[in-house]
Amino acid sequence: MAKDLINELPDSLYQNLQKFDLVLLSTIYENKQPFVNAVSWVFAPTTKKIRFSVDSKSQIITNIKANQNVALSMFSGETIYSINGKGNLLTEEIEGIPFKLAIVEVDVESVHEVMFYGSKISSPPEYQKTYNPAAAEKLDQQVLTALKNYK
């Protein structure tokens, strides 16, 4: 059963989003069907804003331009949260990165705990980057800096 929390990120989610974390992002296709992606370049500059970066040519960007409603689902502690809000395209190109990455900022409207009754997460999901570790770390740092400092 979903439990309404608040209209901003609780401290646990805000702290998780100070570093990259696995987040499921839901947007809406033009035909009104949901579209879900896993994203990891996610950062919260405040408890009311979440920024993420994806390829500028991504279907995510097309969807947000047509319909700003988004939902982000993430694991935190022993539960799962759904964060609803409006996505706003801040830029379609981050300077200093060799390919076009967009930055989207989500205005947080509501946060819900959505773990089903009588259970908890015993082991959060983990992921590994499968390309050059040094290149991955360098790109991650460039994107994190852009997400933190975008004006």
N, C-alpha and C. Protein backbone atom coordinates (compact mmCIF):
# COMPACT_ATOMS: atom_id res chain seq x y z
N MET A 1 0.84 -1.18 0.00
CA MET A 1 0.00 0.00 0.00
C MET A 1 0.89 1.24 0.00
N ALA A 2 0.62 2.15 -0.90
CA ALA A 2 1.42 3.38 -0.98
C ALA A 2 1.15 4.26 0.23
N LYS A 3 2.21 4.83 0.73
CA LYS A 3 2.11 5.73 1.90
C LYS A 3 2.63 7.09 1.48
N ASP A 4 1.75 8.10 1.50
CA ASP A 4 2.19 9.45 1.17
C ASP A 4 3.15 9.92 2.23
N LEU A 5 4.26 10.46 1.80
CA LEU A 5 5.23 11.00 2.74
C LEU A 5 5.12 12.51 2.77
N ILE A 6 5.73 13.15 1.83
CA ILE A 6 5.81 14.60 1.83
C ILE A 6 5.95 15.10 0.40
N ASN A 7 6.06 16.41 0.25
CA ASN A 7 6.22 16.98 -1.09
C ASN A 7 7.67 17.35 -1.37
N GLU A 8 8.58 16.74 -0.64
CA GLU A 8 10.01 16.90 -0.91
C GLU A 8 10.72 15.63 -0.48
N LEU A 9 11.98 15.51 -0.88
CA LEU A 9 12.74 14.30 -0.57
C LEU A 9 13.03 14.22 0.92
N PRO A 10 12.74 13.06 1.54
CA PRO A 10 13.20 12.88 2.92
C PRO A 10 14.73 12.80 2.93
N ASP A 11 15.32 13.01 4.08
CA ASP A 11 16.78 13.09 4.18
C ASP A 11 17.47 11.85 3.60
N SER A 12 16.92 10.66 3.85
CA SER A 12 17.57 9.43 3.35
C SER A 12 17.68 9.44 1.82
N LEU A 13 16.62 9.85 1.13
CA LEU A 13 16.67 9.91 -0.34
C LEU A 13 17.59 11.03 -0.81
N TYR A 14 17.51 12.17 -0.16
CA TYR A 14 18.38 13.29 -0.52
C TYR A 14 19.84 12.87 -0.40
N GLN A 15 20.21 12.20 0.69
CA GLN A 15 21.59 11.75 0.88
C GLN A 15 21.99 10.75 -0.19
N ASN A 16 21.11 9.81 -0.53
CA ASN A 16 21.41 8.84 -1.60
C ASN A 16 21.68 9.55 -2.92
N LEU A 17 20.98 10.64 -3.15
CA LEU A 17 21.11 11.35 -4.42
C LEU A 17 22.21 12.40 -4.42
N GLN A 18 23.11 12.32 -3.46
CA GLN A 18 24.31 13.16 -3.49
C GLN A 18 25.43 12.45 -4.25
N LYS A 19 25.20 11.20 -4.57
CA LYS A 19 26.11 10.41 -5.41
C LYS A 19 25.22 9.68 -6.41
N PHE A 20 25.80 9.17 -7.46
CA PHE A 20 24.99 8.47 -8.45
C PHE A 20 24.41 7.20 -7.87
N ASP A 21 23.16 6.94 -8.19
CA ASP A 21 22.44 5.79 -7.68
C ASP A 21 21.56 5.26 -8.81
N LEU A 22 21.18 4.02 -8.73
CA LEU A 22 20.29 3.43 -9.73
C LEU A 22 18.87 3.93 -9.49
N VAL A 23 18.29 4.52 -10.52
CA VAL A 23 16.93 5.05 -10.44
C VAL A 23 16.17 4.58 -11.67
N LEU A 24 14.91 4.19 -11.49
CA LEU A 24 14.04 3.88 -12.62
C LEU A 24 13.24 5.14 -12.93
N LEU A 25 13.29 5.57 -14.17
CA LEU A 25 12.63 6.79 -14.61
C LEU A 25 11.48 6.43 -15.53
N SER A 26 10.30 6.95 -15.22
CA SER A 26 9.12 6.73 -16.06
C SER A 26 8.71 8.05 -16.70
N THR A 27 8.55 8.01 -18.02
CA THR A 27 8.02 9.14 -18.78
C THR A 27 6.84 8.62 -19.58
N ILE A 28 6.24 9.50 -20.38
CA ILE A 28 5.05 9.13 -21.14
C ILE A 28 5.30 9.32 -22.64
N TYR A 29 5.08 8.24 -23.42
CA TYR A 29 5.14 8.34 -24.88
C TYR A 29 4.02 9.25 -25.38
N GLU A 30 4.15 9.73 -26.62
CA GLU A 30 3.09 10.54 -27.21
C GLU A 30 1.75 9.82 -27.23
N ASN A 31 1.76 8.47 -27.34
CA ASN A 31 0.51 7.71 -27.38
C ASN A 31 -0.03 7.42 -25.97
N LYS A 32 0.54 8.09 -24.97
CA LYS A 32 0.12 8.01 -23.55
C LYS A 32 0.55 6.73 -22.85
N GLN A 33 1.36 5.91 -23.50
CA GLN A 33 1.87 4.69 -22.86
C GLN A 33 3.07 5.04 -21.99
N PRO A 34 3.25 4.33 -20.87
CA PRO A 34 4.43 4.60 -20.02
C PRO A 34 5.70 4.08 -20.68
N PHE A 35 6.81 4.73 -20.35
CA PHE A 35 8.14 4.39 -20.87
C PHE A 35 9.09 4.42 -19.68
N VAL A 36 9.73 3.29 -19.39
CA VAL A 36 10.59 3.17 -18.20
C VAL A 36 12.02 2.90 -18.62
N ASN A 37 12.94 3.64 -18.00
CA ASN A 37 14.38 3.46 -18.23
C ASN A 37 15.11 3.42 -16.90
N ALA A 38 16.23 2.72 -16.88
CA ALA A 38 17.15 2.79 -15.74
C ALA A 38 18.15 3.89 -16.04
N VAL A 39 18.35 4.79 -15.08
CA VAL A 39 19.34 5.86 -15.23
C VAL A 39 20.21 5.89 -13.98
N SER A 40 21.46 6.34 -14.17
CA SER A 40 22.37 6.40 -13.01
C SER A 40 22.97 7.78 -12.81
N TRP A 41 22.93 8.62 -13.82
CA TRP A 41 23.46 9.98 -13.65
C TRP A 41 22.36 10.85 -13.05
N VAL A 42 22.17 10.72 -11.75
CA VAL A 42 21.09 11.40 -11.04
C VAL A 42 21.69 12.08 -9.82
N PHE A 43 21.24 13.33 -9.55
CA PHE A 43 21.75 14.11 -8.43
C PHE A 43 20.64 15.03 -7.93
N ALA A 44 20.54 15.22 -6.62
CA ALA A 44 19.56 16.13 -6.03
C ALA A 44 20.27 17.38 -5.51
N PRO A 45 20.11 18.54 -6.17
CA PRO A 45 20.73 19.76 -5.65
C PRO A 45 20.02 20.28 -4.40
N THR A 46 18.72 19.96 -4.25
CA THR A 46 17.94 20.34 -3.07
C THR A 46 16.95 19.21 -2.80
N THR A 47 16.18 19.34 -1.73
CA THR A 47 15.16 18.33 -1.43
C THR A 47 13.92 18.50 -2.30
N LYS A 48 13.86 19.57 -3.10
CA LYS A 48 12.73 19.83 -3.99
C LYS A 48 13.07 19.66 -5.47
N LYS A 49 14.35 19.35 -5.76
CA LYS A 49 14.79 19.24 -7.16
C LYS A 49 15.66 18.00 -7.33
N ILE A 50 15.49 17.33 -8.44
CA ILE A 50 16.35 16.22 -8.84
C ILE A 50 16.79 16.50 -10.27
N ARG A 51 18.07 16.34 -10.54
CA ARG A 51 18.59 16.49 -11.90
C ARG A 51 19.11 15.15 -12.38
N PHE A 52 18.93 14.90 -13.67
CA PHE A 52 19.53 13.71 -14.28
C PHE A 52 20.03 14.07 -15.67
N SER A 53 20.93 13.24 -16.14
CA SER A 53 21.50 13.43 -17.47
C SER A 53 21.33 12.17 -18.29
N VAL A 54 20.95 12.35 -19.54
CA VAL A 54 20.83 11.26 -20.51
C VAL A 54 21.27 11.78 -21.87
N ASP A 55 21.46 10.88 -22.80
CA ASP A 55 21.80 11.25 -24.17
C ASP A 55 20.73 12.20 -24.72
N SER A 56 21.15 13.25 -25.37
CA SER A 56 20.21 14.24 -25.91
C SER A 56 19.24 13.65 -26.93
N LYS A 57 19.62 12.54 -27.56
CA LYS A 57 18.77 11.91 -28.56
C LYS A 57 17.85 10.86 -27.96
N SER A 58 17.88 10.71 -26.65
CA SER A 58 17.09 9.70 -25.96
C SER A 58 15.59 9.93 -26.11
N GLN A 59 14.84 8.86 -26.15
CA GLN A 59 13.37 8.95 -26.17
C GLN A 59 12.87 9.67 -24.92
N ILE A 60 13.63 9.60 -23.84
CA ILE A 60 13.27 10.29 -22.60
C ILE A 60 13.10 11.79 -22.87
N ILE A 61 14.03 12.38 -23.61
CA ILE A 61 13.98 13.82 -23.90
C ILE A 61 12.77 14.14 -24.77
N THR A 62 12.52 13.33 -25.78
CA THR A 62 11.34 13.52 -26.64
C THR A 62 10.07 13.46 -25.80
N ASN A 63 10.00 12.49 -24.90
CA ASN A 63 8.81 12.33 -24.07
C ASN A 63 8.59 13.52 -23.15
N ILE A 64 9.65 14.00 -22.50
CA ILE A 64 9.52 15.12 -21.56
C ILE A 64 9.14 16.40 -22.28
N LYS A 65 9.64 16.57 -23.50
CA LYS A 65 9.25 17.76 -24.27
C LYS A 65 7.74 17.75 -24.56
N ALA A 66 7.16 16.56 -24.72
CA ALA A 66 5.73 16.44 -25.02
C ALA A 66 4.87 16.38 -23.76
N ASN A 67 5.41 15.83 -22.68
CA ASN A 67 4.64 15.65 -21.44
C ASN A 67 5.62 15.69 -20.28
N GLN A 68 5.54 16.71 -19.45
CA GLN A 68 6.51 16.92 -18.38
C GLN A 68 6.35 15.97 -17.19
N ASN A 69 5.27 15.22 -17.11
CA ASN A 69 5.05 14.33 -15.96
C ASN A 69 6.06 13.18 -15.96
N VAL A 70 6.75 13.03 -14.84
CA VAL A 70 7.72 11.94 -14.68
C VAL A 70 7.54 11.30 -13.31
N ALA A 71 8.03 10.08 -13.20
CA ALA A 71 8.12 9.40 -11.91
C ALA A 71 9.48 8.74 -11.84
N LEU A 72 10.12 8.86 -10.69
CA LEU A 72 11.39 8.19 -10.45
C LEU A 72 11.19 7.20 -9.31
N SER A 73 11.63 5.98 -9.49
CA SER A 73 11.53 4.97 -8.45
C SER A 73 12.93 4.62 -8.01
N MET A 74 13.13 4.58 -6.68
CA MET A 74 14.46 4.24 -6.19
C MET A 74 14.39 3.48 -4.88
N PHE A 75 15.40 2.65 -4.69
CA PHE A 75 15.56 1.89 -3.46
C PHE A 75 16.30 2.76 -2.46
N SER A 76 15.87 2.72 -1.21
CA SER A 76 16.56 3.45 -0.16
C SER A 76 16.31 2.72 1.16
N GLY A 77 17.40 2.33 1.81
CA GLY A 77 17.24 1.56 3.04
C GLY A 77 16.57 0.24 2.73
N GLU A 78 15.49 -0.03 3.41
CA GLU A 78 14.80 -1.30 3.23
C GLU A 78 13.50 -1.16 2.47
N THR A 79 13.35 -0.08 1.70
CA THR A 79 12.09 0.16 1.02
C THR A 79 12.31 0.76 -0.37
N ILE A 80 11.21 1.04 -1.05
CA ILE A 80 11.23 1.63 -2.39
C ILE A 80 10.35 2.88 -2.35
N TYR A 81 10.82 3.93 -3.01
CA TYR A 81 10.07 5.18 -3.09
C TYR A 81 9.74 5.50 -4.54
N SER A 82 8.60 6.14 -4.73
CA SER A 82 8.22 6.70 -6.02
C SER A 82 8.14 8.21 -5.84
N ILE A 83 8.84 8.91 -6.70
CA ILE A 83 8.92 10.38 -6.64
C ILE A 83 8.26 10.92 -7.90
N ASN A 84 7.22 11.71 -7.74
CA ASN A 84 6.49 12.27 -8.87
C ASN A 84 6.81 13.75 -9.02
N GLY A 85 6.86 14.20 -10.27
CA GLY A 85 7.13 15.62 -10.50
C GLY A 85 7.06 15.99 -11.96
N LYS A 86 7.51 17.19 -12.23
CA LYS A 86 7.54 17.73 -13.59
C LYS A 86 8.99 17.86 -14.03
N GLY A 87 9.30 17.31 -15.21
CA GLY A 87 10.64 17.38 -15.77
C GLY A 87 10.79 18.58 -16.68
N ASN A 88 11.87 19.33 -16.50
CA ASN A 88 12.16 20.50 -17.33
C ASN A 88 13.53 20.34 -17.95
N LEU A 89 13.60 20.43 -19.26
CA LEU A 89 14.88 20.33 -19.97
C LEU A 89 15.69 21.59 -19.73
N LEU A 90 16.84 21.45 -19.07
CA LEU A 90 17.70 22.60 -18.80
C LEU A 90 18.65 22.87 -19.95
N THR A 91 19.22 21.82 -20.52
CA THR A 91 20.13 21.96 -21.66
C THR A 91 20.17 20.65 -22.42
N GLU A 92 20.44 20.75 -23.70
CA GLU A 92 20.60 19.55 -24.53
C GLU A 92 22.06 19.23 -24.77
N GLU A 93 22.96 20.03 -24.20
CA GLU A 93 24.38 19.76 -24.40
C GLU A 93 25.19 20.30 -23.22
N ILE A 94 25.92 19.41 -22.58
CA ILE A 94 26.81 19.80 -21.49
C ILE A 94 28.17 20.13 -22.09
N GLU A 95 28.64 21.34 -21.80
CA GLU A 95 29.95 21.75 -22.33
C GLU A 95 31.06 20.86 -21.77
N GLY A 96 32.05 20.57 -22.62
CA GLY A 96 33.23 19.82 -22.19
C GLY A 96 33.09 18.32 -22.24
N ILE A 97 31.94 17.82 -22.68
CA ILE A 97 31.75 16.37 -22.80
C ILE A 97 31.69 16.06 -24.29
N PRO A 98 32.39 15.01 -24.73
CA PRO A 98 32.56 14.78 -26.16
C PRO A 98 31.32 14.31 -26.93
N PHE A 99 30.22 14.09 -26.27
CA PHE A 99 28.98 13.77 -26.97
C PHE A 99 27.84 14.48 -26.27
N LYS A 100 26.71 14.60 -26.95
CA LYS A 100 25.62 15.43 -26.43
C LYS A 100 24.85 14.72 -25.32
N LEU A 101 24.97 15.30 -24.11
CA LEU A 101 24.18 14.85 -22.97
C LEU A 101 23.27 15.99 -22.54
N ALA A 102 22.02 15.67 -22.28
CA ALA A 102 21.06 16.65 -21.81
C ALA A 102 21.00 16.62 -20.29
N ILE A 103 20.56 17.72 -19.70
CA ILE A 103 20.26 17.77 -18.27
C ILE A 103 18.78 18.11 -18.12
N VAL A 104 18.10 17.29 -17.32
CA VAL A 104 16.70 17.51 -16.99
C VAL A 104 16.61 17.74 -15.50
N GLU A 105 15.80 18.72 -15.11
CA GLU A 105 15.56 18.98 -13.69
C GLU A 105 14.10 18.66 -13.38
N VAL A 106 13.90 17.87 -12.35
CA VAL A 106 12.55 17.49 -11.93
C VAL A 106 12.18 18.29 -10.69
N ASP A 107 11.03 18.96 -10.76
CA ASP A 107 10.46 19.63 -9.60
C ASP A 107 9.66 18.58 -8.84
N VAL A 108 10.12 18.21 -7.65
CA VAL A 108 9.48 17.17 -6.86
C VAL A 108 8.11 17.66 -6.38
N GLU A 109 7.07 16.88 -6.68
CA GLU A 109 5.71 17.22 -6.24
C GLU A 109 5.24 16.31 -5.11
N SER A 110 5.62 15.04 -5.16
CA SER A 110 5.22 14.11 -4.09
C SER A 110 6.18 12.94 -4.02
N VAL A 111 6.29 12.40 -2.82
CA VAL A 111 7.14 11.24 -2.57
C VAL A 111 6.28 10.21 -1.84
N HIS A 112 6.28 8.98 -2.35
CA HIS A 112 5.47 7.91 -1.77
C HIS A 112 6.36 6.71 -1.48
N GLU A 113 6.16 6.08 -0.34
CA GLU A 113 6.78 4.78 -0.09
C GLU A 113 5.88 3.75 -0.75
N VAL A 114 6.45 2.89 -1.61
CA VAL A 114 5.62 1.97 -2.40
C VAL A 114 5.96 0.50 -2.20
N MET A 115 6.73 0.18 -1.17
CA MET A 115 7.04 -1.22 -0.88
C MET A 115 5.76 -1.92 -0.43
N PHE A 116 5.53 -3.12 -0.93
CA PHE A 116 4.31 -3.82 -0.56
C PHE A 116 4.33 -4.22 0.91
N TYR A 117 3.15 -4.29 1.49
CA TYR A 117 2.97 -4.49 2.93
C TYR A 117 3.66 -5.76 3.42
N GLY A 118 4.28 -5.65 4.58
CA GLY A 118 4.84 -6.81 5.26
C GLY A 118 6.16 -7.30 4.69
N SER A 119 6.90 -6.43 4.02
CA SER A 119 8.17 -6.86 3.45
C SER A 119 9.17 -5.71 3.48
N LYS A 120 10.42 -6.07 3.20
CA LYS A 120 11.48 -5.08 3.15
C LYS A 120 12.52 -5.53 2.13
N ILE A 121 13.31 -4.58 1.67
CA ILE A 121 14.42 -4.90 0.77
C ILE A 121 15.55 -5.46 1.63
N SER A 122 16.00 -6.64 1.31
CA SER A 122 17.08 -7.24 2.09
C SER A 122 18.45 -7.02 1.44
N SER A 123 18.44 -6.76 0.14
CA SER A 123 19.68 -6.52 -0.56
C SER A 123 19.39 -5.58 -1.74
N PRO A 124 19.85 -4.33 -1.66
CA PRO A 124 19.56 -3.41 -2.76
C PRO A 124 20.27 -3.83 -4.04
N PRO A 125 19.73 -3.43 -5.19
CA PRO A 125 20.37 -3.80 -6.46
C PRO A 125 21.72 -3.10 -6.60
N GLU A 126 22.63 -3.77 -7.27
CA GLU A 126 23.94 -3.21 -7.57
C GLU A 126 24.15 -3.31 -9.08
N TYR A 127 24.97 -2.43 -9.60
CA TYR A 127 25.29 -2.51 -11.02
C TYR A 127 26.78 -2.22 -11.20
N GLN A 128 27.30 -2.65 -12.35
CA GLN A 128 28.69 -2.41 -12.70
C GLN A 128 28.75 -1.80 -14.08
N LYS A 129 29.64 -0.84 -14.27
CA LYS A 129 29.87 -0.29 -15.60
C LYS A 129 30.75 -1.31 -16.34
N THR A 130 30.40 -1.61 -17.56
CA THR A 130 31.08 -2.67 -18.30
C THR A 130 32.06 -2.16 -19.34
N TYR A 131 32.28 -0.85 -19.36
CA TYR A 131 33.27 -0.32 -20.28
C TYR A 131 34.48 0.16 -19.48
N ASN A 132 35.47 0.70 -20.13
CA ASN A 132 36.73 1.12 -19.53
C ASN A 132 36.51 1.82 -18.18
N PRO A 133 36.97 1.23 -17.08
CA PRO A 133 36.72 1.81 -15.75
C PRO A 133 37.27 3.24 -15.59
N ALA A 134 38.44 3.52 -16.14
CA ALA A 134 39.02 4.86 -16.02
C ALA A 134 38.17 5.87 -16.80
N ALA A 135 37.75 5.50 -18.00
CA ALA A 135 36.92 6.38 -18.81
C ALA A 135 35.55 6.59 -18.15
N ALA A 136 35.00 5.52 -17.57
CA ALA A 136 33.71 5.62 -16.88
C ALA A 136 33.80 6.57 -15.70
N GLU A 137 34.86 6.46 -14.91
CA GLU A 137 35.04 7.33 -13.74
C GLU A 137 35.21 8.79 -14.17
N LYS A 138 35.98 9.02 -15.21
CA LYS A 138 36.19 10.39 -15.70
C LYS A 138 34.87 11.00 -16.18
N LEU A 139 34.12 10.25 -16.97
CA LEU A 139 32.84 10.74 -17.48
C LEU A 139 31.86 10.96 -16.32
N ASP A 140 31.80 10.03 -15.38
CA ASP A 140 30.92 10.19 -14.22
C ASP A 140 31.22 11.49 -13.47
N GLN A 141 32.49 11.79 -13.26
CA GLN A 141 32.87 13.00 -12.55
C GLN A 141 32.49 14.26 -13.34
N GLN A 142 32.67 14.21 -14.66
CA GLN A 142 32.30 15.35 -15.50
C GLN A 142 30.79 15.60 -15.43
N VAL A 143 30.00 14.54 -15.51
CA VAL A 143 28.55 14.67 -15.48
C VAL A 143 28.09 15.12 -14.09
N LEU A 144 28.65 14.55 -13.03
CA LEU A 144 28.28 14.96 -11.67
C LEU A 144 28.58 16.44 -11.45
N THR A 145 29.72 16.90 -11.91
CA THR A 145 30.08 18.32 -11.79
C THR A 145 29.06 19.18 -12.53
N ALA A 146 28.68 18.75 -13.72
CA ALA A 146 27.68 19.50 -14.50
C ALA A 146 26.33 19.54 -13.79
N LEU A 147 25.90 18.42 -13.24
CA LEU A 147 24.62 18.36 -12.55
C LEU A 147 24.62 19.23 -11.29
N LYS A 148 25.75 19.22 -10.58
CA LYS A 148 25.86 20.02 -9.36
C LYS A 148 25.89 21.51 -9.65
N ASN A 149 26.59 21.91 -10.71
CA ASN A 149 26.89 23.32 -10.93
C ASN A 149 26.04 24.01 -11.99
N TYR A 150 25.09 23.30 -12.59
CA TYR A 150 24.31 23.92 -13.66
C TYR A 150 23.54 25.12 -13.12
N LYS A 151 23.63 26.23 -13.82
CA LYS A 151 22.92 27.46 -13.44
C LYS A 151 21.93 27.84 -14.50
